[in-house]
Amino acid sequence: GDVLEVGCGEGRGIPLLLEKAKSFTAVDKIKPVIDELAARFPSGRFISMNIPPLNELPSDAFDVVVTFQVIEHIE
Protein backbone atom coordinates (compact mmCIF):
# COMPACT_ATOMS: atom_id res chain seq x y z
CA GLY A 1 0.00 0.00 0.00
CA ASP A 2 0.91 3.65 0.40
CA VAL A 3 3.58 4.04 3.10
CA LEU A 4 4.56 7.10 5.14
CA GLU A 5 7.78 7.06 7.14
CA VAL A 6 7.86 9.75 9.82
CA GLY A 7 11.36 10.86 10.80
CA CYS A 8 13.28 8.93 8.18
CA GLY A 9 16.68 10.31 9.21
CA GLU A 10 19.49 8.83 7.10
CA GLY A 11 17.05 6.42 5.46
CA ARG A 12 18.38 3.09 6.68
CA GLY A 13 15.12 1.22 6.05
CA ILE A 14 14.12 2.92 2.82
CA PRO A 15 15.34 0.23 0.38
CA LEU A 16 13.28 -2.43 2.16
CA LEU A 17 10.19 -0.23 2.40
CA LEU A 18 10.40 0.89 -1.24
CA GLU A 19 10.45 -2.66 -2.56
CA LYS A 20 7.26 -3.53 -0.64
CA ALA A 21 5.26 -0.29 -1.01
CA LYS A 22 2.90 0.84 -3.74
CA SER A 23 4.09 4.38 -2.96
CA PHE A 24 6.54 5.69 -0.39
CA THR A 25 6.67 9.10 1.30
CA ALA A 26 9.20 10.08 3.94
CA VAL A 27 9.38 13.19 6.12
CA ASP A 28 12.20 14.55 8.24
CA LYS A 29 13.20 17.99 9.46
CA ILE A 30 16.76 17.99 8.08
CA LYS A 31 16.49 19.36 4.52
CA PRO A 32 20.00 18.40 3.29
CA VAL A 33 19.32 14.78 4.30
CA ILE A 34 15.93 14.82 2.58
CA ASP A 35 17.51 16.26 -0.58
CA GLU A 36 20.17 13.54 -0.59
CA LEU A 37 17.58 10.78 -0.08
CA ALA A 38 15.46 12.17 -2.91
CA ALA A 39 18.48 11.94 -5.23
CA ARG A 40 19.28 8.37 -4.10
CA PHE A 41 15.70 7.08 -4.24
CA PRO A 42 13.87 8.86 -7.09
CA SER A 43 10.82 6.57 -6.83
CA GLY A 44 10.04 7.91 -3.35
CA ARG A 45 8.64 11.25 -2.22
CA PHE A 46 10.68 13.12 0.38
CA ILE A 47 9.45 16.12 2.36
CA SER A 48 11.38 18.34 4.74
CA MET A 49 9.14 19.43 7.61
CA ASN A 50 9.09 19.62 11.38
CA ILE A 51 7.24 16.82 13.13
CA PRO A 52 4.90 16.97 14.91
CA PRO A 53 2.53 18.15 13.55
CA LEU A 54 1.87 16.37 10.27
CA ASN A 55 -0.69 18.92 9.11
CA GLU A 56 1.12 19.42 5.77
CA LEU A 57 0.05 15.90 4.77
CA PRO A 58 -3.48 14.93 3.76
CA SER A 59 -5.56 12.88 6.20
CA ASP A 60 -6.30 9.25 5.35
CA ALA A 61 -3.77 9.23 2.48
CA PHE A 62 -1.59 6.34 3.71
CA ASP A 63 -2.23 2.68 4.37
CA VAL A 64 0.78 2.28 6.67
CA VAL A 65 2.69 4.75 8.85
CA VAL A 66 6.09 3.71 10.22
CA THR A 67 8.65 5.41 12.39
CA PHE A 68 11.96 4.11 13.69
CA GLN A 69 14.00 5.65 16.51
CA VAL A 70 11.96 8.87 16.58
CA ILE A 71 9.98 8.83 19.82
CA GLU A 72 13.02 9.78 21.91
CA HIS A 73 13.31 13.01 19.89
CA ILE A 74 9.72 14.18 20.54
CA GLU A 75 9.14 16.35 23.61
C-alpha atoms as a PDB file:
ATOM      1  CA  GLY A   1       0.000   0.000   0.000  1.00  0.00           C
ATOM      2  CA  ASP A   2       0.911   3.653   0.401  1.00  0.00           C
ATOM      3  CA  VAL A   3       3.583   4.042   3.098  1.00  0.00           C
ATOM      4  CA  LEU A   4       4.556   7.101   5.143  1.00  0.00           C
ATOM      5  CA  GLU A   5       7.776   7.064   7.141  1.00  0.00           C
ATOM      6  CA  VAL A   6       7.863   9.752   9.816  1.00  0.00           C
ATOM      7  CA  GLY A   7      11.360  10.865  10.805  1.00  0.00           C
ATOM      8  CA  CYS A   8      13.279   8.925   8.177  1.00  0.00           C
ATOM      9  CA  GLY A   9      16.684  10.310   9.209  1.00  0.00           C
ATOM     10  CA  GLU A  10      19.494   8.830   7.103  1.00  0.00           C
ATOM     11  CA  GLY A  11      17.050   6.420   5.463  1.00  0.00           C
ATOM     12  CA  ARG A  12      18.382   3.085   6.681  1.00  0.00           C
ATOM     13  CA  GLY A  13      15.122   1.218   6.046  1.00  0.00           C
ATOM     14  CA  ILE A  14      14.120   2.917   2.817  1.00  0.00           C
ATOM     15  CA  PRO A  15      15.338   0.232   0.379  1.00  0.00           C
ATOM     16  CA  LEU A  16      13.276  -2.433   2.161  1.00  0.00           C
ATOM     17  CA  LEU A  17      10.191  -0.233   2.405  1.00  0.00           C
ATOM     18  CA  LEU A  18      10.403   0.888  -1.238  1.00  0.00           C
ATOM     19  CA  GLU A  19      10.446  -2.662  -2.563  1.00  0.00           C
ATOM     20  CA  LYS A  20       7.257  -3.528  -0.638  1.00  0.00           C
ATOM     21  CA  ALA A  21       5.259  -0.288  -1.007  1.00  0.00           C
ATOM     22  CA  LYS A  22       2.900   0.836  -3.736  1.00  0.00           C
ATOM     23  CA  SER A  23       4.091   4.377  -2.962  1.00  0.00           C
ATOM     24  CA  PHE A  24       6.543   5.686  -0.386  1.00  0.00           C
ATOM     25  CA  THR A  25       6.673   9.101   1.295  1.00  0.00           C
ATOM     26  CA  ALA A  26       9.204  10.084   3.944  1.00  0.00           C
ATOM     27  CA  VAL A  27       9.377  13.189   6.120  1.00  0.00           C
ATOM     28  CA  ASP A  28      12.199  14.547   8.240  1.00  0.00           C
ATOM     29  CA  LYS A  29      13.198  17.993   9.459  1.00  0.00           C
ATOM     30  CA  ILE A  30      16.759  17.994   8.082  1.00  0.00           C
ATOM     31  CA  LYS A  31      16.495  19.361   4.523  1.00  0.00           C
ATOM     32  CA  PRO A  32      19.997  18.397   3.288  1.00  0.00           C
ATOM     33  CA  VAL A  33      19.321  14.778   4.300  1.00  0.00           C
ATOM     34  CA  ILE A  34      15.931  14.825   2.576  1.00  0.00           C
ATOM     35  CA  ASP A  35      17.509  16.257  -0.580  1.00  0.00           C
ATOM     36  CA  GLU A  36      20.171  13.541  -0.593  1.00  0.00           C
ATOM     37  CA  LEU A  37      17.583  10.784  -0.083  1.00  0.00           C
ATOM     38  CA  ALA A  38      15.460  12.166  -2.911  1.00  0.00           C
ATOM     39  CA  ALA A  39      18.475  11.941  -5.225  1.00  0.00           C
ATOM     40  CA  ARG A  40      19.284   8.370  -4.100  1.00  0.00           C
ATOM     41  CA  PHE A  41      15.705   7.084  -4.239  1.00  0.00           C
ATOM     42  CA  PRO A  42      13.867   8.856  -7.087  1.00  0.00           C
ATOM     43  CA  SER A  43      10.824   6.574  -6.831  1.00  0.00           C
ATOM     44  CA  GLY A  44      10.038   7.911  -3.354  1.00  0.00           C
ATOM     45  CA  ARG A  45       8.636  11.246  -2.219  1.00  0.00           C
ATOM     46  CA  PHE A  46      10.685  13.117   0.381  1.00  0.00           C
ATOM     47  CA  ILE A  47       9.448  16.124   2.356  1.00  0.00           C
ATOM     48  CA  SER A  48      11.377  18.342   4.744  1.00  0.00           C
ATOM     49  CA  MET A  49       9.136  19.434   7.610  1.00  0.00           C
ATOM     50  CA  ASN A  50       9.093  19.617  11.382  1.00  0.00           C
ATOM     51  CA  ILE A  51       7.238  16.823  13.128  1.00  0.00           C
ATOM     52  CA  PRO A  52       4.905  16.969  14.909  1.00  0.00           C
ATOM     53  CA  PRO A  53       2.525  18.147  13.549  1.00  0.00           C
ATOM     54  CA  LEU A  54       1.867  16.368  10.272  1.00  0.00           C
ATOM     55  CA  ASN A  55      -0.691  18.917   9.109  1.00  0.00           C
ATOM     56  CA  GLU A  56       1.123  19.424   5.770  1.00  0.00           C
ATOM     57  CA  LEU A  57       0.051  15.903   4.767  1.00  0.00           C
ATOM     58  CA  PRO A  58      -3.483  14.935   3.761  1.00  0.00           C
ATOM     59  CA  SER A  59      -5.564  12.882   6.199  1.00  0.00           C
ATOM     60  CA  ASP A  60      -6.296   9.251   5.350  1.00  0.00           C
ATOM     61  CA  ALA A  61      -3.771   9.233   2.479  1.00  0.00           C
ATOM     62  CA  PHE A  62      -1.590   6.344   3.708  1.00  0.00           C
ATOM     63  CA  ASP A  63      -2.230   2.682   4.373  1.00  0.00           C
ATOM     64  CA  VAL A  64       0.781   2.284   6.674  1.00  0.00           C
ATOM     65  CA  VAL A  65       2.692   4.745   8.850  1.00  0.00           C
ATOM     66  CA  VAL A  66       6.086   3.713  10.224  1.00  0.00           C
ATOM     67  CA  THR A  67       8.653   5.413  12.394  1.00  0.00           C
ATOM     68  CA  PHE A  68      11.961   4.111  13.691  1.00  0.00           C
ATOM     69  CA  GLN A  69      14.002   5.649  16.506  1.00  0.00           C
ATOM     70  CA  VAL A  70      11.959   8.869  16.577  1.00  0.00           C
ATOM     71  CA  ILE A  71       9.980   8.829  19.820  1.00  0.00           C
ATOM     72  CA  GLU A  72      13.018   9.782  21.906  1.00  0.00           C
ATOM     73  CA  HIS A  73      13.306  13.012  19.890  1.00  0.00           C
ATOM     74  CA  ILE A  74       9.718  14.182  20.545  1.00  0.00           C
ATOM     75  CA  GLU A  75       9.143  16.353  23.610  1.00  0.00           C
END
